[in-house]
Amino acid sequence: KWASEIAHGVIGMTRSQGNEIVKKLLAKYEDNIPNVPKGKTYEQCWDMKTKQPIREYKQLYQKIKAELAELGVRFKF
């Protein structure tokens, strides 16, 4: 889902526009690269009984999506 939303959101974007987004993201995260957090497992992000993402994961997804939209990704969904 995520890759599809990003792919659709950058249709028509030039490489130069995409590069500007990447540079802004790199500036935000570059200092943390040596100490990148491990992240979570699938089972920690999804309810195994309902096969749906947990609330915390949904909120993180929406937060990141909003951040990328502010940077110029044009989400359709």
PDB file of N, CA and C in Angstrom:
ATOM      1  N   LYS A   1       0.828  -1.189   0.000  1.00  0.00           N
ATOM      2  CA  LYS A   1       0.000   0.000   0.000  1.00  0.00           C
ATOM      3  C   LYS A   1       0.877   1.259   0.000  1.00  0.00           C
ATOM      4  N   TRP A   2       1.864   1.284   0.898  1.00  0.00           N
ATOM      5  CA  TRP A   2       2.695   2.478   1.031  1.00  0.00           C
ATOM      6  C   TRP A   2       3.430   2.796  -0.262  1.00  0.00           C
ATOM      7  N   ALA A   3       4.074   1.805  -0.842  1.00  0.00           N
ATOM      8  CA  ALA A   3       4.832   2.021  -2.075  1.00  0.00           C
ATOM      9  C   ALA A   3       3.920   2.505  -3.193  1.00  0.00           C
ATOM     10  N   SER A   4       2.719   1.965  -3.257  1.00  0.00           N
ATOM     11  CA  SER A   4       1.759   2.370  -4.280  1.00  0.00           C
ATOM     12  C   SER A   4       1.330   3.819  -4.081  1.00  0.00           C
ATOM     13  N   GLU A   5       1.055   4.203  -2.848  1.00  0.00           N
ATOM     14  CA  GLU A   5       0.642   5.584  -2.576  1.00  0.00           C
ATOM     15  C   GLU A   5       1.755   6.564  -2.936  1.00  0.00           C
ATOM     16  N   ILE A   6       2.987   6.223  -2.589  1.00  0.00           N
ATOM     17  CA  ILE A   6       4.123   7.089  -2.924  1.00  0.00           C
ATOM     18  C   ILE A   6       4.282   7.173  -4.439  1.00  0.00           C
ATOM     19  N   ALA A   7       4.241   6.024  -5.108  1.00  0.00           N
ATOM     20  CA  ALA A   7       4.410   5.999  -6.564  1.00  0.00           C
ATOM     21  C   ALA A   7       3.363   6.864  -7.254  1.00  0.00           C
ATOM     22  N   HIS A   8       2.118   6.747  -6.842  1.00  0.00           N
ATOM     23  CA  HIS A   8       1.057   7.563  -7.440  1.00  0.00           C
ATOM     24  C   HIS A   8       1.221   9.039  -7.072  1.00  0.00           C
ATOM     25  N   GLY A   9       1.745   9.299  -5.876  1.00  0.00           N
ATOM     26  CA  GLY A   9       1.904  10.677  -5.410  1.00  0.00           C
ATOM     27  C   GLY A   9       2.998  11.457  -6.102  1.00  0.00           C
ATOM     28  N   VAL A  10       3.917  10.771  -6.748  1.00  0.00           N
ATOM     29  CA  VAL A  10       5.020  11.474  -7.414  1.00  0.00           C
ATOM     30  C   VAL A  10       4.917  11.430  -8.939  1.00  0.00           C
ATOM     31  N   ILE A  11       3.825  10.888  -9.443  1.00  0.00           N
ATOM     32  CA  ILE A  11       3.637  10.882 -10.899  1.00  0.00           C
ATOM     33  C   ILE A  11       3.663  12.320 -11.403  1.00  0.00           C
ATOM     34  N   GLY A  12       4.446  12.563 -12.405  1.00  0.00           N
ATOM     35  CA  GLY A  12       4.548  13.897 -12.984  1.00  0.00           C
ATOM     36  C   GLY A  12       5.604  14.773 -12.327  1.00  0.00           C
ATOM     37  N   MET A  13       6.163  14.316 -11.218  1.00  0.00           N
ATOM     38  CA  MET A  13       7.191  15.082 -10.532  1.00  0.00           C
ATOM     39  C   MET A  13       8.516  14.926 -11.293  1.00  0.00           C
ATOM     40  N   THR A  14       9.239  16.007 -11.416  1.00  0.00           N
ATOM     41  CA  THR A  14      10.545  15.929 -12.070  1.00  0.00           C
ATOM     42  C   THR A  14      11.574  15.340 -11.101  1.00  0.00           C
ATOM     43  N   ARG A  15      12.690  14.890 -11.656  1.00  0.00           N
ATOM     44  CA  ARG A  15      13.767  14.382 -10.795  1.00  0.00           C
ATOM     45  C   ARG A  15      14.272  15.481  -9.871  1.00  0.00           C
ATOM     46  N   SER A  16      14.297  16.686 -10.378  1.00  0.00           N
ATOM     47  CA  SER A  16      14.749  17.817  -9.572  1.00  0.00           C
ATOM     48  C   SER A  16      13.821  18.035  -8.373  1.00  0.00           C
ATOM     49  N   GLN A  17      12.515  17.957  -8.610  1.00  0.00           N
ATOM     50  CA  GLN A  17      11.549  18.103  -7.514  1.00  0.00           C
ATOM     51  C   GLN A  17      11.707  16.962  -6.506  1.00  0.00           C
ATOM     52  N   GLY A  18      11.854  15.755  -7.008  1.00  0.00           N
ATOM     53  CA  GLY A  18      12.051  14.605  -6.132  1.00  0.00           C
ATOM     54  C   GLY A  18      13.330  14.730  -5.325  1.00  0.00           C
ATOM     55  N   ASN A  19      14.376  15.227  -5.969  1.00  0.00           N
ATOM     56  CA  ASN A  19      15.650  15.399  -5.283  1.00  0.00           C
ATOM     57  C   ASN A  19      15.538  16.406  -4.147  1.00  0.00           C
ATOM     58  N   GLU A  20      14.754  17.450  -4.335  1.00  0.00           N
ATOM     59  CA  GLU A  20      14.564  18.439  -3.271  1.00  0.00           C
ATOM     60  C   GLU A  20      13.890  17.801  -2.056  1.00  0.00           C
ATOM     61  N   ILE A  21      12.929  16.940  -2.294  1.00  0.00           N
ATOM     62  CA  ILE A  21      12.265  16.234  -1.193  1.00  0.00           C
ATOM     63  C   ILE A  21      13.270  15.340  -0.475  1.00  0.00           C
ATOM     64  N   VAL A  22      14.059  14.608  -1.246  1.00  0.00           N
ATOM     65  CA  VAL A  22      15.055  13.707  -0.656  1.00  0.00           C
ATOM     66  C   VAL A  22      16.065  14.495   0.177  1.00  0.00           C
ATOM     67  N   LYS A  23      16.499  15.647  -0.314  1.00  0.00           N
ATOM     68  CA  LYS A  23      17.467  16.455   0.436  1.00  0.00           C
ATOM     69  C   LYS A  23      16.877  16.928   1.768  1.00  0.00           C
ATOM     70  N   LYS A  24      15.608  17.301   1.765  1.00  0.00           N
ATOM     71  CA  LYS A  24      14.958  17.728   3.013  1.00  0.00           C
ATOM     72  C   LYS A  24      14.839  16.570   3.992  1.00  0.00           C
ATOM     73  N   LEU A  25      14.493  15.393   3.484  1.00  0.00           N
ATOM     74  CA  LEU A  25      14.395  14.218   4.355  1.00  0.00           C
ATOM     75  C   LEU A  25      15.768  13.821   4.889  1.00  0.00           C
ATOM     76  N   LEU A  26      16.777  13.873   4.042  1.00  0.00           N
ATOM     77  CA  LEU A  26      18.131  13.531   4.466  1.00  0.00           C
ATOM     78  C   LEU A  26      18.600  14.476   5.567  1.00  0.00           C
ATOM     79  N   ALA A  27      18.340  15.767   5.407  1.00  0.00           N
ATOM     80  CA  ALA A  27      18.736  16.742   6.425  1.00  0.00           C
ATOM     81  C   ALA A  27      18.076  16.431   7.767  1.00  0.00           C
ATOM     82  N   LYS A  28      16.867  15.934   7.722  1.00  0.00           N
ATOM     83  CA  LYS A  28      16.132  15.618   8.950  1.00  0.00           C
ATOM     84  C   LYS A  28      16.675  14.365   9.637  1.00  0.00           C
ATOM     85  N   TYR A  29      17.082  13.374   8.867  1.00  0.00           N
ATOM     86  CA  TYR A  29      17.443  12.073   9.433  1.00  0.00           C
ATOM     87  C   TYR A  29      18.927  11.719   9.387  1.00  0.00           C
ATOM     88  N   GLU A  30      19.729  12.468   8.659  1.00  0.00           N
ATOM     89  CA  GLU A  30      21.127  12.089   8.427  1.00  0.00           C
ATOM     90  C   GLU A  30      21.929  11.889   9.712  1.00  0.00           C
ATOM     91  N   ASP A  31      21.748  12.755  10.690  1.00  0.00           N
ATOM     92  CA  ASP A  31      22.521  12.640  11.928  1.00  0.00           C
ATOM     93  C   ASP A  31      22.194  11.370  12.707  1.00  0.00           C
ATOM     94  N   ASN A  32      21.024  10.786  12.470  1.00  0.00           N
ATOM     95  CA  ASN A  32      20.607   9.584  13.201  1.00  0.00           C
ATOM     96  C   ASN A  32      20.989   8.284  12.496  1.00  0.00           C
ATOM     97  N   ILE A  33      21.544   8.365  11.298  1.00  0.00           N
ATOM     98  CA  ILE A  33      21.861   7.150  10.535  1.00  0.00           C
ATOM     99  C   ILE A  33      22.774   6.191  11.314  1.00  0.00           C
ATOM    100  N   PRO A  34      23.817   6.678  12.002  1.00  0.00           N
ATOM    101  CA  PRO A  34      24.672   5.728  12.731  1.00  0.00           C
ATOM    102  C   PRO A  34      23.950   5.010  13.881  1.00  0.00           C
ATOM    103  N   ASN A  35      22.882   5.605  14.389  1.00  0.00           N
ATOM    104  CA  ASN A  35      22.157   5.043  15.529  1.00  0.00           C
ATOM    105  C   ASN A  35      20.701   4.772  15.191  1.00  0.00           C
ATOM    106  N   VAL A  36      20.457   4.324  13.990  1.00  0.00           N
ATOM    107  CA  VAL A  36      19.084   4.100  13.542  1.00  0.00           C
ATOM    108  C   VAL A  36      18.379   3.099  14.466  1.00  0.00           C
ATOM    109  N   PRO A  37      17.140   3.397  14.872  1.00  0.00           N
ATOM    110  CA  PRO A  37      16.415   2.444  15.719  1.00  0.00           C
ATOM    111  C   PRO A  37      16.082   1.173  14.942  1.00  0.00           C
ATOM    112  N   LYS A  38      15.949   0.076  15.651  1.00  0.00           N
ATOM    113  CA  LYS A  38      15.679  -1.207  15.010  1.00  0.00           C
ATOM    114  C   LYS A  38      14.314  -1.258  14.343  1.00  0.00           C
ATOM    115  N   GLY A  39      13.372  -0.513  14.844  1.00  0.00           N
ATOM    116  CA  GLY A  39      12.025  -0.601  14.297  1.00  0.00           C
ATOM    117  C   GLY A  39      11.245  -1.714  14.978  1.00  0.00           C
ATOM    118  N   LYS A  40      10.120  -2.057  14.404  1.00  0.00           N
ATOM    119  CA  LYS A  40       9.244  -3.059  15.004  1.00  0.00           C
ATOM    120  C   LYS A  40       8.977  -4.184  14.023  1.00  0.00           C
ATOM    121  N   THR A  41       8.586  -5.294  14.559  1.00  0.00           N
ATOM    122  CA  THR A  41       8.232  -6.440  13.729  1.00  0.00           C
ATOM    123  C   THR A  41       6.804  -6.279  13.221  1.00  0.00           C
ATOM    124  N   TYR A  42       6.465  -7.062  12.236  1.00  0.00           N
ATOM    125  CA  TYR A  42       5.105  -7.081  11.697  1.00  0.00           C
ATOM    126  C   TYR A  42       4.103  -7.318  12.820  1.00  0.00           C
ATOM    127  N   GLU A  43       4.404  -8.272  13.686  1.00  0.00           N
ATOM    128  CA  GLU A  43       3.490  -8.625  14.776  1.00  0.00           C
ATOM    129  C   GLU A  43       3.304  -7.491  15.775  1.00  0.00           C
ATOM    130  N   GLN A  44       4.277  -6.594  15.869  1.00  0.00           N
ATOM    131  CA  GLN A  44       4.160  -5.453  16.770  1.00  0.00           C
ATOM    132  C   GLN A  44       3.356  -4.308  16.147  1.00  0.00           C
ATOM    133  N   CYS A  45       3.186  -4.323  14.851  1.00  0.00           N
ATOM    134  CA  CYS A  45       2.471  -3.256  14.146  1.00  0.00           C
ATOM    135  C   CYS A  45       1.052  -3.649  13.747  1.00  0.00           C
ATOM    136  N   TRP A  46       0.780  -4.932  13.724  1.00  0.00           N
ATOM    137  CA  TRP A  46      -0.515  -5.425  13.259  1.00  0.00           C
ATOM    138  C   TRP A  46      -1.161  -6.313  14.309  1.00  0.00           C
ATOM    139  N   ASP A  47      -2.482  -6.230  14.398  1.00  0.00           N
ATOM    140  CA  ASP A  47      -3.251  -7.125  15.258  1.00  0.00           C
ATOM    141  C   ASP A  47      -3.365  -8.453  14.526  1.00  0.00           C
ATOM    142  N   MET A  48      -2.809  -9.480  15.098  1.00  0.00           N
ATOM    143  CA  MET A  48      -2.756 -10.778  14.423  1.00  0.00           C
ATOM    144  C   MET A  48      -4.132 -11.449  14.313  1.00  0.00           C
ATOM    145  N   LYS A  49      -5.062 -11.060  15.179  1.00  0.00           N
ATOM    146  CA  LYS A  49      -6.407 -11.650  15.117  1.00  0.00           C
ATOM    147  C   LYS A  49      -7.248 -11.000  14.023  1.00  0.00           C
ATOM    148  N   THR A  50      -7.187  -9.675  13.945  1.00  0.00           N
ATOM    149  CA  THR A  50      -8.023  -8.958  12.972  1.00  0.00           C
ATOM    150  C   THR A  50      -7.312  -8.723  11.642  1.00  0.00           C
ATOM    151  N   LYS A  51      -5.996  -8.895  11.642  1.00  0.00           N
ATOM    152  CA  LYS A  51      -5.170  -8.630  10.450  1.00  0.00           C
ATOM    153  C   LYS A  51      -5.266  -7.163  10.016  1.00  0.00           C
ATOM    154  N   GLN A  52      -5.380  -6.283  11.003  1.00  0.00           N
ATOM    155  CA  GLN A  52      -5.447  -4.845  10.772  1.00  0.00           C
ATOM    156  C   GLN A  52      -4.304  -4.171  11.529  1.00  0.00           C
ATOM    157  N   PRO A  53      -3.832  -3.032  11.034  1.00  0.00           N
ATOM    158  CA  PRO A  53      -2.767  -2.324  11.750  1.00  0.00           C
ATOM    159  C   PRO A  53      -3.277  -1.808  13.097  1.00  0.00           C
ATOM    160  N   ILE A  54      -2.387  -1.784  14.087  1.00  0.00           N
ATOM    161  CA  ILE A  54      -2.767  -1.261  15.394  1.00  0.00           C
ATOM    162  C   ILE A  54      -2.879   0.263  15.308  1.00  0.00           C
ATOM    163  N   ARG A  55      -3.551   0.870  16.274  1.00  0.00           N
ATOM    164  CA  ARG A  55      -3.805   2.314  16.266  1.00  0.00           C
ATOM    165  C   ARG A  55      -2.499   3.110  16.189  1.00  0.00           C
ATOM    166  N   GLU A  56      -1.504   2.734  16.984  1.00  0.00           N
ATOM    167  CA  GLU A  56      -0.222   3.444  16.987  1.00  0.00           C
ATOM    168  C   GLU A  56       0.412   3.452  15.591  1.00  0.00           C
ATOM    169  N   TYR A  57       0.346   2.330  14.895  1.00  0.00           N
ATOM    170  CA  TYR A  57       0.919   2.222  13.551  1.00  0.00           C
ATOM    171  C   TYR A  57       0.130   3.084  12.561  1.00  0.00           C
ATOM    172  N   LYS A  58      -1.193   3.081  12.676  1.00  0.00           N
ATOM    173  CA  LYS A  58      -2.026   3.922  11.798  1.00  0.00           C
ATOM    174  C   LYS A  58      -1.688   5.397  11.992  1.00  0.00           C
ATOM    175  N   GLN A  59      -1.508   5.791  13.258  1.00  0.00           N
ATOM    176  CA  GLN A  59      -1.186   7.188  13.549  1.00  0.00           C
ATOM    177  C   GLN A  59       0.178   7.573  12.973  1.00  0.00           C
ATOM    178  N   LEU A  60       1.149   6.689  13.108  1.00  0.00           N
ATOM    179  CA  LEU A  60       2.478   6.944  12.550  1.00  0.00           C
ATOM    180  C   LEU A  60       2.403   7.059  11.031  1.00  0.00           C
ATOM    181  N   TYR A  61       1.658   6.178  10.406  1.00  0.00           N
ATOM    182  CA  TYR A  61       1.468   6.170   8.955  1.00  0.00           C
ATOM    183  C   TYR A  61       0.897   7.513   8.496  1.00  0.00           C
ATOM    184  N   GLN A  62      -0.147   7.981   9.179  1.00  0.00           N
ATOM    185  CA  GLN A  62      -0.780   9.247   8.811  1.00  0.00           C
ATOM    186  C   GLN A  62       0.154  10.439   9.052  1.00  0.00           C
ATOM    187  N   LYS A  63       0.937  10.380  10.121  1.00  0.00           N
ATOM    188  CA  LYS A  63       1.882  11.462  10.420  1.00  0.00           C
ATOM    189  C   LYS A  63       2.939  11.572   9.321  1.00  0.00           C
ATOM    190  N   ILE A  64       3.502  10.444   8.935  1.00  0.00           N
ATOM    191  CA  ILE A  64       4.531  10.443   7.889  1.00  0.00           C
ATOM    192  C   ILE A  64       3.933  10.864   6.552  1.00  0.00           C
ATOM    193  N   LYS A  65       2.734  10.411   6.278  1.00  0.00           N
ATOM    194  CA  LYS A  65       2.058  10.774   5.032  1.00  0.00           C
ATOM    195  C   LYS A  65       1.825  12.289   4.979  1.00  0.00           C
ATOM    196  N   ALA A  66       1.408  12.882   6.091  1.00  0.00           N
ATOM    197  CA  ALA A  66       1.187  14.330   6.147  1.00  0.00           C
ATOM    198  C   ALA A  66       2.506  15.083   5.947  1.00  0.00           C
ATOM    199  N   GLU A  67       3.568  14.577   6.548  1.00  0.00           N
ATOM    200  CA  GLU A  67       4.887  15.201   6.395  1.00  0.00           C
ATOM    201  C   GLU A  67       5.326  15.186   4.930  1.00  0.00           C
ATOM    202  N   LEU A  68       5.153  14.056   4.269  1.00  0.00           N
ATOM    203  CA  LEU A  68       5.535  13.958   2.861  1.00  0.00           C
ATOM    204  C   LEU A  68       4.644  14.833   1.978  1.00  0.00           C
ATOM    205  N   ALA A  69       3.376  14.951   2.326  1.00  0.00           N
ATOM    206  CA  ALA A  69       2.469  15.825   1.569  1.00  0.00           C
ATOM    207  C   ALA A  69       2.933  17.278   1.672  1.00  0.00           C
ATOM    208  N   GLU A  70       3.376  17.683   2.859  1.00  0.00           N
ATOM    209  CA  GLU A  70       3.890  19.044   3.037  1.00  0.00           C
ATOM    210  C   GLU A  70       5.141  19.286   2.195  1.00  0.00           C
ATOM    211  N   LEU A  71       5.892  18.222   1.943  1.00  0.00           N
ATOM    212  CA  LEU A  71       7.114  18.338   1.140  1.00  0.00           C
ATOM    213  C   LEU A  71       6.833  18.293  -0.363  1.00  0.00           C
ATOM    214  N   GLY A  72       5.587  17.968  -0.736  1.00  0.00           N
ATOM    215  CA  GLY A  72       5.244  18.002  -2.152  1.00  0.00           C
ATOM    216  C   GLY A  72       4.731  16.722  -2.770  1.00  0.00           C
ATOM    217  N   VAL A  73       4.666  15.633  -2.002  1.00  0.00           N
ATOM    218  CA  VAL A  73       4.091  14.397  -2.541  1.00  0.00           C
ATOM    219  C   VAL A  73       2.579  14.592  -2.607  1.00  0.00           C
ATOM    220  N   ARG A  74       2.001  14.362  -3.764  1.00  0.00           N
ATOM    221  CA  ARG A  74       0.565  14.608  -3.983  1.00  0.00           C
ATOM    222  C   ARG A  74      -0.208  13.293  -3.858  1.00  0.00           C
ATOM    223  N   PHE A  75      -0.567  12.964  -2.634  1.00  0.00           N
ATOM    224  CA  PHE A  75      -1.300  11.722  -2.398  1.00  0.00           C
ATOM    225  C   PHE A  75      -2.702  11.817  -2.970  1.00  0.00           C
ATOM    226  N   LYS A  76      -3.151  10.743  -3.594  1.00  0.00           N
ATOM    227  CA  LYS A  76      -4.488  10.698  -4.184  1.00  0.00           C
ATOM    228  C   LYS A  76      -5.477  10.015  -3.261  1.00  0.00           C
ATOM    229  N   PHE A  77      -4.966   9.289  -2.296  1.00  0.00           N
ATOM    230  CA  PHE A  77      -5.843   8.513  -1.416  1.00  0.00           C
ATOM    231  C   PHE A  77      -5.689   8.972   0.011  1.00  0.00           C
TER     232      PHE A  77
END
